[in-house]
Amino acid sequence: MGQLKSMELPESGSHTTANTPAARPSRSLWWLWVVLIAGVVLGVWYFRGSRTPSEAANPSAPATPGRGRGGSGGMGNFVVPVVVAPAQPDDLPVYFNGLGTVTAFNTVTVRSRVDGEIIKVAFKEGQYVHEGDLLVQIDPRPFQVQLEQADGQLAKDQAQRKDAQVNLERYKLLFDEGVIPQQQLDTQAALVGQFDGAIKSDQSQIDNAKLQLTYCHITAPISGHVGLRLIDPGNIVHATDASGLVVITQLQPIAVLFSLPQDDLPQVSTKLRAGAQLTVDAFDRDDTQKIATGKLLTIDNQIDPSTGTYKLKSVFNNADTALFPNQFVNVHLLVDTKHNLTIVPAAAIQRGPQGTYVYAVASDNTVKIHAVTIAQTTGNRVGLSDGVNAGDLVVIDGQDKLQDGSKVTPTVSSGNNSGAQASSNTAPASPGAPAPPAPNSPRRQSGGSRR
């Protein structure tokens, strides 16, 4: 019995070990079937959802390997929504742009030319004053006393001179009769001359006293706006004071100093020597809003070797005082105008190894690549001398999905045909993702960068 039990125990244990693995797979493989069925369902759903609307409408159309259902390269039936703008004939101005600083045409620091007490301030801070207007009144009484003293000395010297002149006439009669010698006559004539000199000196003292009285009455030397006053009534001022009384700045007209690269100098100087009056536009700090329009006045007489630029000075009437001294502005100098060009937005220009080109929309709503020649670029406008005719529609947004012969749905851009507005008018792409451009398309050769 002991041997039987010892032999039956391994048999019983082996039976249990052999049956357990066989039973577990049969109960745990059900989830594999669930995953497999779900994968099949998702694949069918994805295949049906990725079909284009044209394939759904014509499910019986045969599919060519490596191509879409519609034609060559998968682009035959795919229509690309694009934004277009018409090419227009126009003249395009040529501008030289530079950075400038507004400078007052004249700036005067008013100072006192005499010493004295201020008894009146006749201006208000920020006031516009005209040339000759009273600004400050200094106590004139000390200079009036000096004037009276000079007048008294003049009267004294004139009386003495008169007496010396009468004696001289008498000495002449006595000399003719031989009563007095020549020396006495000459001495009397010299005395008359001394009094003549004294009278001239007295007259100069009178003029100086009157001038000091005039300096007590301080007026505006130029017309302009006064700044913050630097003195108050009751202060004692001196002719040697460095701070001055007030600063007057002439704002009408006003000047703008700006710099341009030295390569632009020949064209500008040639225009000035010919007597042309070049127009200058001042724009704000962001270079978006025009502030004022003036004219070029002159060119500096040397080039700055450290920057390779030269300075120019322009003048503006500034009737509305929109320009203010030390204001930073962007300057656009009109130097020429290109005539009879075809104007397109800058966003339409594409660049590739073969040069510049545009996508032009044909009458059948297909695009053709046109090589163009750029004559002038000003801001967001490009003037073409060849390649596009006036009235042609050029693509300004959506070029990255195009190649020669692609079918498009054009939407004419509203506004000023700028690239930013073109982007806002772009129609959304269809759910069916477009096929990528062919490897030999010009768009891919240009690096695929969007403008």
Protein backbone atom coordinates (compact mmCIF):
# COMPACT_ATOMS: atom_id res chain seq x y z
CA MET A 1 0.00 0.00 0.00
CA GLY A 2 2.81 2.35 0.78
CA GLN A 3 4.31 1.73 -2.59
CA LEU A 4 1.02 2.20 -4.41
CA LYS A 5 0.39 5.49 -2.76
CA SER A 6 3.82 6.70 -3.53
CA MET A 7 3.35 5.78 -7.15
CA GLU A 8 -0.15 7.27 -7.44
CA LEU A 9 0.83 10.66 -6.10
CA PRO A 10 3.11 11.63 -9.00
CA GLU A 11 0.46 10.43 -11.45
CA SER A 12 -2.13 12.56 -9.85
CA GLY A 13 0.21 15.58 -9.79
CA SER A 14 1.22 15.15 -13.44
CA HIS A 15 -2.39 14.94 -14.49
CA THR A 16 -3.13 18.27 -12.87
CA THR A 17 -0.06 19.95 -14.37
CA ALA A 18 -0.85 18.67 -17.83
CA ASN A 19 -4.50 19.70 -17.85
CA THR A 20 -4.16 23.27 -16.46
CA PRO A 21 -2.21 24.92 -19.36
CA ALA A 22 -4.55 23.40 -21.89
CA ALA A 23 -7.56 24.83 -20.17
CA ARG A 24 -6.20 28.39 -19.74
CA PRO A 25 -5.63 29.21 -23.46
CA SER A 26 -9.10 28.11 -24.31
CA ARG A 27 -10.55 30.59 -21.84
CA SER A 28 -8.18 33.64 -22.51
CA LEU A 29 -7.92 33.83 -26.34
CA TRP A 30 -11.33 35.45 -26.76
CA TRP A 31 -9.90 39.05 -26.49
CA LEU A 32 -7.60 38.40 -29.45
CA TRP A 33 -10.64 37.78 -31.59
CA VAL A 34 -12.22 41.02 -30.34
CA VAL A 35 -9.11 43.04 -31.26
CA LEU A 36 -8.93 41.41 -34.69
CA ILE A 37 -12.58 42.14 -35.47
CA ALA A 38 -12.21 45.77 -34.27
CA GLY A 39 -9.16 46.27 -36.51
CA VAL A 40 -11.08 45.04 -39.54
CA VAL A 41 -13.97 47.40 -38.78
CA LEU A 42 -11.63 50.39 -38.38
CA GLY A 43 -9.86 49.60 -41.62
CA VAL A 44 -13.10 49.48 -43.57
CA TRP A 45 -14.26 52.75 -41.96
CA TYR A 46 -10.97 54.53 -42.74
CA PHE A 47 -11.00 53.32 -46.36
CA ARG A 48 -14.53 54.54 -46.96
CA GLY A 49 -13.90 57.87 -45.17
CA SER A 50 -10.71 58.68 -47.13
CA ARG A 51 -12.34 58.42 -50.53
CA THR A 52 -12.71 61.75 -52.30
CA PRO A 53 -16.14 63.10 -53.17
CA SER A 54 -15.53 62.31 -56.85
CA GLU A 55 -14.70 58.67 -56.01
CA ALA A 56 -17.81 58.39 -53.89
CA ALA A 57 -19.90 59.70 -56.77
CA ASN A 58 -18.27 57.29 -59.26
CA PRO A 59 -17.27 54.18 -57.34
CA SER A 60 -16.98 52.09 -60.51
CA ALA A 61 -14.10 54.19 -61.92
CA PRO A 62 -11.01 51.99 -62.26
CA ALA A 63 -7.98 52.93 -60.17
CA THR A 64 -4.62 53.05 -61.88
CA PRO A 65 -1.66 51.91 -59.73
CA GLY A 66 0.38 54.85 -58.50
CA ARG A 67 -2.27 57.39 -59.64
CA GLY A 68 -5.53 58.80 -58.36
CA ARG A 69 -8.82 57.95 -59.93
CA GLY A 70 -8.92 61.11 -61.96
CA GLY A 71 -5.70 61.28 -63.95
CA SER A 72 -2.05 62.12 -63.87
CA GLY A 73 -0.20 62.34 -60.59
CA GLY A 74 -3.35 62.24 -58.48
CA MET A 75 -4.11 65.90 -59.41
CA GLY A 76 -6.56 65.36 -62.27
CA ASN A 77 -9.84 65.73 -60.35
CA PHE A 78 -8.49 67.54 -57.29
CA VAL A 79 -9.39 71.26 -57.35
CA VAL A 80 -7.18 73.60 -55.31
CA PRO A 81 -8.81 76.67 -53.74
CA VAL A 82 -6.59 79.74 -54.29
CA VAL A 83 -6.77 83.50 -53.87
CA VAL A 84 -6.05 85.58 -56.97
CA ALA A 85 -5.56 89.24 -57.81
CA PRO A 86 -5.66 90.96 -61.21
CA ALA A 87 -2.50 92.41 -62.73
CA GLN A 88 -2.98 96.13 -63.37
CA PRO A 89 -1.14 98.63 -65.59
CA ASP A 90 0.25 101.52 -63.60
CA ASP A 91 3.28 103.69 -62.85
CA LEU A 92 5.43 102.65 -59.91
CA PRO A 93 7.39 105.21 -57.85
CA VAL A 94 10.98 104.54 -56.84
CA TYR A 95 11.69 105.37 -53.19
CA PHE A 96 14.89 105.45 -51.15
CA ASN A 97 14.07 104.71 -47.53
CA GLY A 98 16.08 105.85 -44.54
CA LEU A 99 15.88 106.59 -40.83
CA GLY A 100 15.52 110.23 -39.84
CA THR A 101 15.28 112.56 -36.88
CA VAL A 102 13.15 115.70 -36.76
CA THR A 103 15.25 118.78 -36.05
CA ALA A 104 14.03 122.29 -35.28
CA PHE A 105 14.78 124.66 -38.13
CA ASN A 106 15.95 127.27 -35.58
CA THR A 107 16.44 126.98 -31.82
CA VAL A 108 17.27 130.01 -29.65
CA THR A 109 18.11 130.14 -25.96
CA VAL A 110 17.06 133.63 -24.85
CA ARG A 111 19.49 135.21 -22.37
CA SER A 112 19.70 138.59 -20.65
CA ARG A 113 22.35 141.03 -21.89
CA VAL A 114 22.19 143.20 -18.78
CA ASP A 115 22.19 142.62 -15.03
CA GLY A 116 19.03 143.40 -13.16
CA GLU A 117 15.83 142.30 -11.49
CA ILE A 118 13.01 140.70 -13.48
CA ILE A 119 9.82 142.65 -12.96
CA LYS A 120 7.61 140.98 -15.59
CA VAL A 121 7.33 137.66 -17.50
CA ALA A 122 5.09 138.25 -20.51
CA PHE A 123 4.81 134.72 -21.95
CA LYS A 124 3.15 131.44 -21.00
CA GLU A 125 4.87 128.09 -21.19
CA GLY A 126 4.25 126.39 -24.53
CA GLN A 127 2.91 129.57 -26.10
CA TYR A 128 3.52 130.38 -29.75
CA VAL A 129 5.24 133.77 -29.97
CA HIS A 130 6.02 135.97 -32.95
CA GLU A 131 9.27 137.70 -33.65
CA GLY A 132 9.41 140.95 -31.63
CA ASP A 133 6.89 139.90 -28.94
CA LEU A 134 7.79 140.90 -25.37
CA LEU A 135 9.11 138.02 -23.28
CA VAL A 136 10.72 139.46 -20.15
CA GLN A 137 10.98 142.96 -18.64
CA ILE A 138 14.01 143.85 -16.48
CA ASP A 139 13.96 146.81 -14.08
CA PRO A 140 15.11 149.75 -16.27
CA ARG A 141 15.61 152.41 -13.56
CA PRO A 142 19.39 152.00 -13.08
CA PHE A 143 19.93 152.51 -16.78
CA GLN A 144 17.60 155.52 -16.88
CA VAL A 145 19.81 157.17 -14.22
CA GLN A 146 22.89 156.46 -16.32
CA LEU A 147 21.17 158.05 -19.31
CA GLU A 148 20.38 161.21 -17.35
CA GLN A 149 23.99 161.44 -16.14
CA ALA A 150 25.26 161.12 -19.70
CA ASP A 151 22.82 163.83 -20.85
CA GLY A 152 24.10 166.20 -18.11
CA GLN A 153 27.73 165.62 -19.01
CA LEU A 154 26.93 166.28 -22.67
CA ALA A 155 25.27 169.61 -21.82
CA LYS A 156 28.29 170.68 -19.75
CA ASP A 157 30.80 169.81 -22.47
CA GLN A 158 28.69 171.56 -25.11
CA ALA A 159 28.66 174.78 -23.06
CA GLN A 160 32.42 174.68 -22.53
CA ARG A 161 32.97 173.99 -26.19
CA LYS A 162 30.83 177.02 -27.08
CA ASP A 163 32.91 179.24 -24.78
CA ALA A 164 36.15 177.92 -26.27
CA GLN A 165 34.83 178.55 -29.78
CA VAL A 166 34.00 182.23 -28.95
CA ASN A 167 37.50 182.76 -27.51
CA LEU A 168 39.01 181.20 -30.62
CA GLU A 169 37.20 183.76 -32.84
CA ARG A 170 38.53 186.59 -30.66
CA TYR A 171 42.08 185.20 -30.81
CA LYS A 172 41.91 185.16 -34.56
CA LEU A 173 41.11 188.93 -34.66
CA LEU A 174 43.88 189.69 -32.18
CA PHE A 175 46.35 187.60 -34.14
CA ASP A 176 45.47 189.45 -37.34
CA GLU A 177 46.21 192.74 -35.56
CA GLY A 178 49.50 191.32 -34.22
CA VAL A 179 48.48 191.52 -30.57
CA ILE A 180 48.91 187.80 -29.69
CA PRO A 181 51.39 185.22 -30.99
CA GLN A 182 50.58 182.24 -33.20
CA GLN A 183 51.13 179.81 -30.33
CA GLN A 184 48.28 181.24 -28.26
CA LEU A 185 45.93 180.99 -31.22
CA ASP A 186 46.87 177.35 -31.81
CA THR A 187 46.39 176.49 -28.13
CA GLN A 188 42.86 177.91 -28.18
CA ALA A 189 42.04 175.94 -31.36
CA ALA A 190 43.28 172.72 -29.66
CA LEU A 191 41.04 173.43 -26.68
CA VAL A 192 38.02 173.62 -28.98
CA GLY A 193 39.01 170.24 -30.46
CA GLN A 194 39.21 168.67 -26.98
CA PHE A 195 35.67 169.76 -26.23
CA ASP A 196 34.56 168.27 -29.57
CA GLY A 197 36.00 164.93 -28.48
CA ALA A 198 34.37 165.16 -25.07
CA ILE A 199 31.01 165.82 -26.70
CA LYS A 200 31.38 162.69 -28.86
CA SER A 201 32.26 160.66 -25.78
CA ASP A 202 29.23 162.00 -23.97
CA GLN A 203 27.04 161.10 -26.93
CA SER A 204 28.35 157.52 -26.89
CA GLN A 205 27.55 157.28 -23.19
CA ILE A 206 24.02 158.39 -23.94
CA ASP A 207 23.69 155.80 -26.74
CA ASN A 208 25.03 153.08 -24.43
CA ALA A 209 22.53 153.96 -21.72
CA LYS A 210 19.69 153.87 -24.26
CA LEU A 211 20.92 150.47 -25.47
CA GLN A 212 20.91 149.09 -21.93
CA LEU A 213 17.35 150.32 -21.58
CA THR A 214 16.50 148.45 -24.77
CA TYR A 215 18.11 145.28 -23.38
CA CYS A 216 15.82 145.57 -20.36
CA HIS A 217 12.96 144.96 -22.78
CA ILE A 218 13.69 141.34 -23.94
CA THR A 219 11.75 140.31 -27.07
CA ALA A 220 11.48 137.12 -29.13
CA PRO A 221 14.25 136.93 -31.76
CA ILE A 222 12.32 134.39 -33.88
CA SER A 223 8.79 133.08 -34.20
CA GLY A 224 8.21 129.73 -32.54
CA HIS A 225 7.05 127.86 -29.48
CA VAL A 226 8.51 128.71 -26.09
CA GLY A 227 9.48 125.95 -23.73
CA LEU A 228 9.32 125.77 -19.96
CA ARG A 229 10.39 129.02 -18.38
CA LEU A 230 13.60 129.02 -16.38
CA ILE A 231 13.02 132.19 -14.33
CA ASP A 232 10.34 133.90 -12.26
CA PRO A 233 9.58 137.56 -11.51
CA GLY A 234 11.81 138.89 -8.76
CA ASN A 235 14.88 136.91 -9.76
CA ILE A 236 18.15 138.73 -10.36
CA VAL A 237 19.66 137.80 -13.72
CA HIS A 238 23.12 138.47 -15.10
CA ALA A 239 24.48 138.67 -18.59
CA THR A 240 26.91 135.84 -17.70
CA ASP A 241 24.18 133.32 -16.72
CA ALA A 242 24.51 130.10 -18.76
CA SER A 243 20.99 128.75 -18.28
CA GLY A 244 19.17 131.55 -20.04
CA LEU A 245 15.60 132.72 -19.59
CA VAL A 246 13.64 130.53 -22.04
CA VAL A 247 14.17 128.42 -25.17
CA ILE A 248 12.27 129.19 -28.38
CA THR A 249 11.98 126.45 -31.00
CA GLN A 250 10.85 127.13 -34.55
CA LEU A 251 8.45 124.39 -35.67
CA GLN A 252 7.13 125.94 -38.88
CA PRO A 253 8.96 125.12 -41.03
CA ILE A 254 10.85 122.19 -39.53
CA ALA A 255 13.69 120.02 -40.79
CA VAL A 256 14.30 116.26 -40.93
CA LEU A 257 17.82 114.83 -41.10
CA PHE A 258 18.14 111.30 -42.47
CA SER A 259 20.81 108.98 -43.89
CA LEU A 260 21.01 106.87 -47.03
CA PRO A 261 23.62 104.36 -48.27
CA GLN A 262 26.43 105.87 -50.29
CA ASP A 263 25.43 103.74 -53.31
CA ASP A 264 22.30 105.90 -53.65
CA LEU A 265 24.25 109.17 -53.69
CA PRO A 266 24.85 109.47 -57.48
CA GLN A 267 21.18 109.18 -58.36
CA VAL A 268 20.09 111.73 -55.74
CA SER A 269 22.87 114.24 -56.47
CA THR A 270 22.19 114.03 -60.21
CA LYS A 271 18.56 114.95 -59.61
CA LEU A 272 19.49 117.89 -57.39
CA ARG A 273 22.05 119.26 -59.85
CA ALA A 274 19.42 119.09 -62.58
CA GLY A 275 17.16 121.32 -60.47
CA ALA A 276 14.59 118.65 -59.66
CA GLN A 277 12.56 119.08 -56.48
CA LEU A 278 12.48 115.69 -54.78
CA THR A 279 9.51 114.84 -52.57
CA VAL A 280 10.12 113.48 -49.08
CA ASP A 281 7.48 111.64 -47.02
CA ALA A 282 7.84 111.23 -43.26
CA PHE A 283 6.23 108.10 -41.78
CA ASP A 284 5.71 107.16 -38.15
CA ARG A 285 7.90 104.85 -36.09
CA ASP A 286 6.13 101.72 -37.41
CA ASP A 287 6.47 102.94 -41.01
CA THR A 288 2.73 102.55 -41.59
CA GLN A 289 1.20 106.02 -41.18
CA LYS A 290 2.36 109.00 -43.25
CA ILE A 291 2.82 112.07 -41.06
CA ALA A 292 3.83 114.84 -43.45
CA THR A 293 5.17 115.58 -46.92
CA GLY A 294 8.05 117.92 -47.65
CA LYS A 295 10.94 118.42 -50.05
CA LEU A 296 14.64 117.65 -50.08
CA LEU A 297 16.75 120.69 -49.19
CA THR A 298 20.38 119.64 -49.49
CA ILE A 299 22.99 116.88 -49.14
CA ASP A 300 25.84 116.85 -46.67
CA ASN A 301 29.34 117.52 -48.04
CA GLN A 302 30.89 114.23 -46.90
CA ILE A 303 30.20 110.52 -46.39
CA ASP A 304 30.50 108.96 -42.96
CA PRO A 305 33.27 106.35 -43.38
CA SER A 306 32.21 104.39 -40.29
CA THR A 307 28.73 103.63 -41.65
CA GLY A 308 29.09 104.15 -45.40
CA THR A 309 26.14 106.55 -45.41
CA TYR A 310 25.61 110.22 -46.15
CA LYS A 311 23.23 112.71 -44.55
CA LEU A 312 20.44 114.63 -46.23
CA LYS A 313 18.28 117.49 -44.98
CA SER A 314 14.65 117.94 -45.89
CA VAL A 315 12.22 120.69 -44.95
CA PHE A 316 8.51 120.41 -44.05
CA ASN A 317 5.94 123.20 -43.68
CA ASN A 318 4.53 121.39 -40.62
CA ALA A 319 1.39 123.54 -40.61
CA ASP A 320 -0.38 121.10 -38.28
CA THR A 321 2.73 120.70 -36.04
CA ALA A 322 2.60 116.93 -36.52
CA LEU A 323 6.40 116.80 -36.49
CA PHE A 324 8.17 117.56 -33.24
CA PRO A 325 11.89 118.11 -32.55
CA ASN A 326 13.91 114.93 -31.86
CA GLN A 327 11.06 112.76 -33.13
CA PHE A 328 12.10 109.51 -34.85
CA VAL A 329 10.62 109.03 -38.33
CA ASN A 330 10.99 106.78 -41.36
CA VAL A 331 11.79 108.80 -44.47
CA HIS A 332 10.76 107.85 -48.03
CA LEU A 333 12.58 109.88 -50.68
CA LEU A 334 10.92 109.80 -54.13
CA VAL A 335 13.73 109.81 -56.69
CA ASP A 336 12.06 108.45 -59.83
CA THR A 337 8.92 106.91 -61.31
CA LYS A 338 8.84 103.79 -63.53
CA HIS A 339 6.19 104.11 -66.22
CA ASN A 340 4.08 101.55 -68.15
CA LEU A 341 4.56 98.61 -65.79
CA THR A 342 2.27 95.73 -64.94
CA ILE A 343 1.65 95.78 -61.18
CA VAL A 344 1.06 92.61 -59.16
CA PRO A 345 1.11 92.00 -55.39
CA ALA A 346 4.45 90.95 -53.96
CA ALA A 347 2.83 87.74 -52.66
CA ALA A 348 2.36 86.54 -56.25
CA ILE A 349 6.09 86.42 -57.00
CA GLN A 350 7.71 82.98 -56.71
CA ARG A 351 11.41 82.20 -57.04
CA GLY A 352 13.13 79.10 -58.28
CA PRO A 353 16.37 77.96 -59.92
CA GLN A 354 15.09 79.25 -63.29
CA GLY A 355 14.33 82.72 -61.85
CA THR A 356 11.13 84.49 -60.84
CA TYR A 357 7.70 83.34 -61.97
CA VAL A 358 3.99 83.59 -61.14
CA TYR A 359 1.02 81.28 -61.38
CA ALA A 360 -1.52 82.76 -63.81
CA VAL A 361 -5.09 81.45 -63.95
CA ALA A 362 -6.32 80.56 -67.43
CA SER A 363 -9.91 80.76 -68.66
CA ASP A 364 -10.50 77.06 -67.90
CA ASN A 365 -9.49 77.56 -64.24
CA THR A 366 -6.10 75.93 -64.64
CA VAL A 367 -2.86 77.60 -63.65
CA LYS A 368 0.11 78.17 -65.91
CA ILE A 369 3.62 79.13 -64.87
CA HIS A 370 4.75 82.46 -66.36
CA ALA A 371 8.35 83.56 -66.07
CA VAL A 372 8.41 87.29 -65.24
CA THR A 373 10.93 90.13 -65.24
CA ILE A 374 10.85 92.41 -62.19
CA ALA A 375 11.49 96.08 -62.99
CA GLN A 376 10.79 97.65 -59.60
CA THR A 377 9.55 96.66 -56.15
CA THR A 378 7.93 99.24 -53.89
CA GLY A 379 6.38 98.05 -50.65
CA ASN A 380 3.91 95.24 -51.41
CA ARG A 381 3.67 96.15 -55.10
CA VAL A 382 5.91 94.67 -57.79
CA GLY A 383 6.22 96.19 -61.26
CA LEU A 384 6.79 93.69 -64.07
CA SER A 385 8.18 94.60 -67.44
CA ASP A 386 7.55 91.20 -69.04
CA GLY A 387 5.73 87.90 -68.47
CA VAL A 388 2.23 88.99 -67.45
CA ASN A 389 -0.36 91.11 -69.24
CA ALA A 390 -2.70 93.61 -67.65
CA GLY A 391 -5.91 91.91 -66.51
CA ASP A 392 -4.36 88.48 -65.95
CA LEU A 393 -5.27 86.82 -62.68
CA VAL A 394 -2.25 85.77 -60.66
CA VAL A 395 -2.30 83.53 -57.58
CA ILE A 396 -1.32 85.31 -54.38
CA ASP A 397 -2.13 82.55 -51.87
CA GLY A 398 -2.16 78.76 -52.12
CA GLN A 399 0.87 78.35 -54.42
CA ASP A 400 2.33 75.57 -52.28
CA LYS A 401 -0.37 73.19 -53.58
CA LEU A 402 0.05 74.07 -57.25
CA GLN A 403 1.98 72.85 -60.23
CA ASP A 404 1.71 73.68 -63.91
CA GLY A 405 -1.75 72.67 -65.14
CA SER A 406 -3.42 72.30 -61.74
CA LYS A 407 -7.14 72.97 -61.57
CA VAL A 408 -8.11 75.70 -59.14
CA THR A 409 -11.09 77.43 -57.62
CA PRO A 410 -10.09 81.13 -57.72
CA THR A 411 -11.31 83.68 -55.21
CA VAL A 412 -10.57 87.31 -56.06
CA SER A 413 -8.82 89.10 -53.19
CA SER A 414 -10.53 92.13 -51.70
CA GLY A 415 -8.73 95.20 -50.36
CA ASN A 416 -5.27 96.22 -51.52
CA ASN A 417 -4.11 92.79 -52.64
CA SER A 418 -1.71 92.46 -49.76
CA GLY A 419 -0.49 89.07 -48.70
CA ALA A 420 -2.08 89.37 -45.27
CA GLN A 421 -5.51 90.02 -46.75
CA ALA A 422 -5.05 87.28 -49.25
CA SER A 423 -4.49 84.77 -46.47
CA SER A 424 -7.70 85.79 -44.75
CA ASN A 425 -9.71 85.22 -47.95
CA THR A 426 -8.38 81.74 -48.65
CA ALA A 427 -11.09 79.09 -48.92
CA PRO A 428 -10.70 76.06 -46.58
CA ALA A 429 -9.26 72.89 -48.06
CA SER A 430 -11.55 69.96 -48.73
CA PRO A 431 -11.52 66.95 -46.35
CA GLY A 432 -9.85 64.84 -49.01
CA ALA A 433 -6.17 65.66 -48.47
CA PRO A 434 -4.49 66.85 -51.70
CA ALA A 435 -1.76 64.82 -53.26
CA PRO A 436 1.71 66.38 -52.90
CA PRO A 437 3.24 68.15 -55.92
CA ALA A 438 5.24 66.10 -58.35
CA PRO A 439 9.00 66.03 -57.67
CA ASN A 440 9.71 68.00 -60.84
CA SER A 441 7.26 70.81 -60.12
CA PRO A 442 8.71 74.34 -60.04
CA ARG A 443 7.18 74.90 -56.64
CA ARG A 444 9.25 72.08 -55.15
CA GLN A 445 12.36 73.30 -56.93
CA SER A 446 12.03 76.72 -55.32
CA GLY A 447 12.30 75.24 -51.86
CA GLY A 448 8.58 75.25 -51.07
CA SER A 449 8.70 78.54 -49.16
CA ARG A 450 5.51 80.53 -49.04
CA ARG A 451 5.62 84.28 -49.40
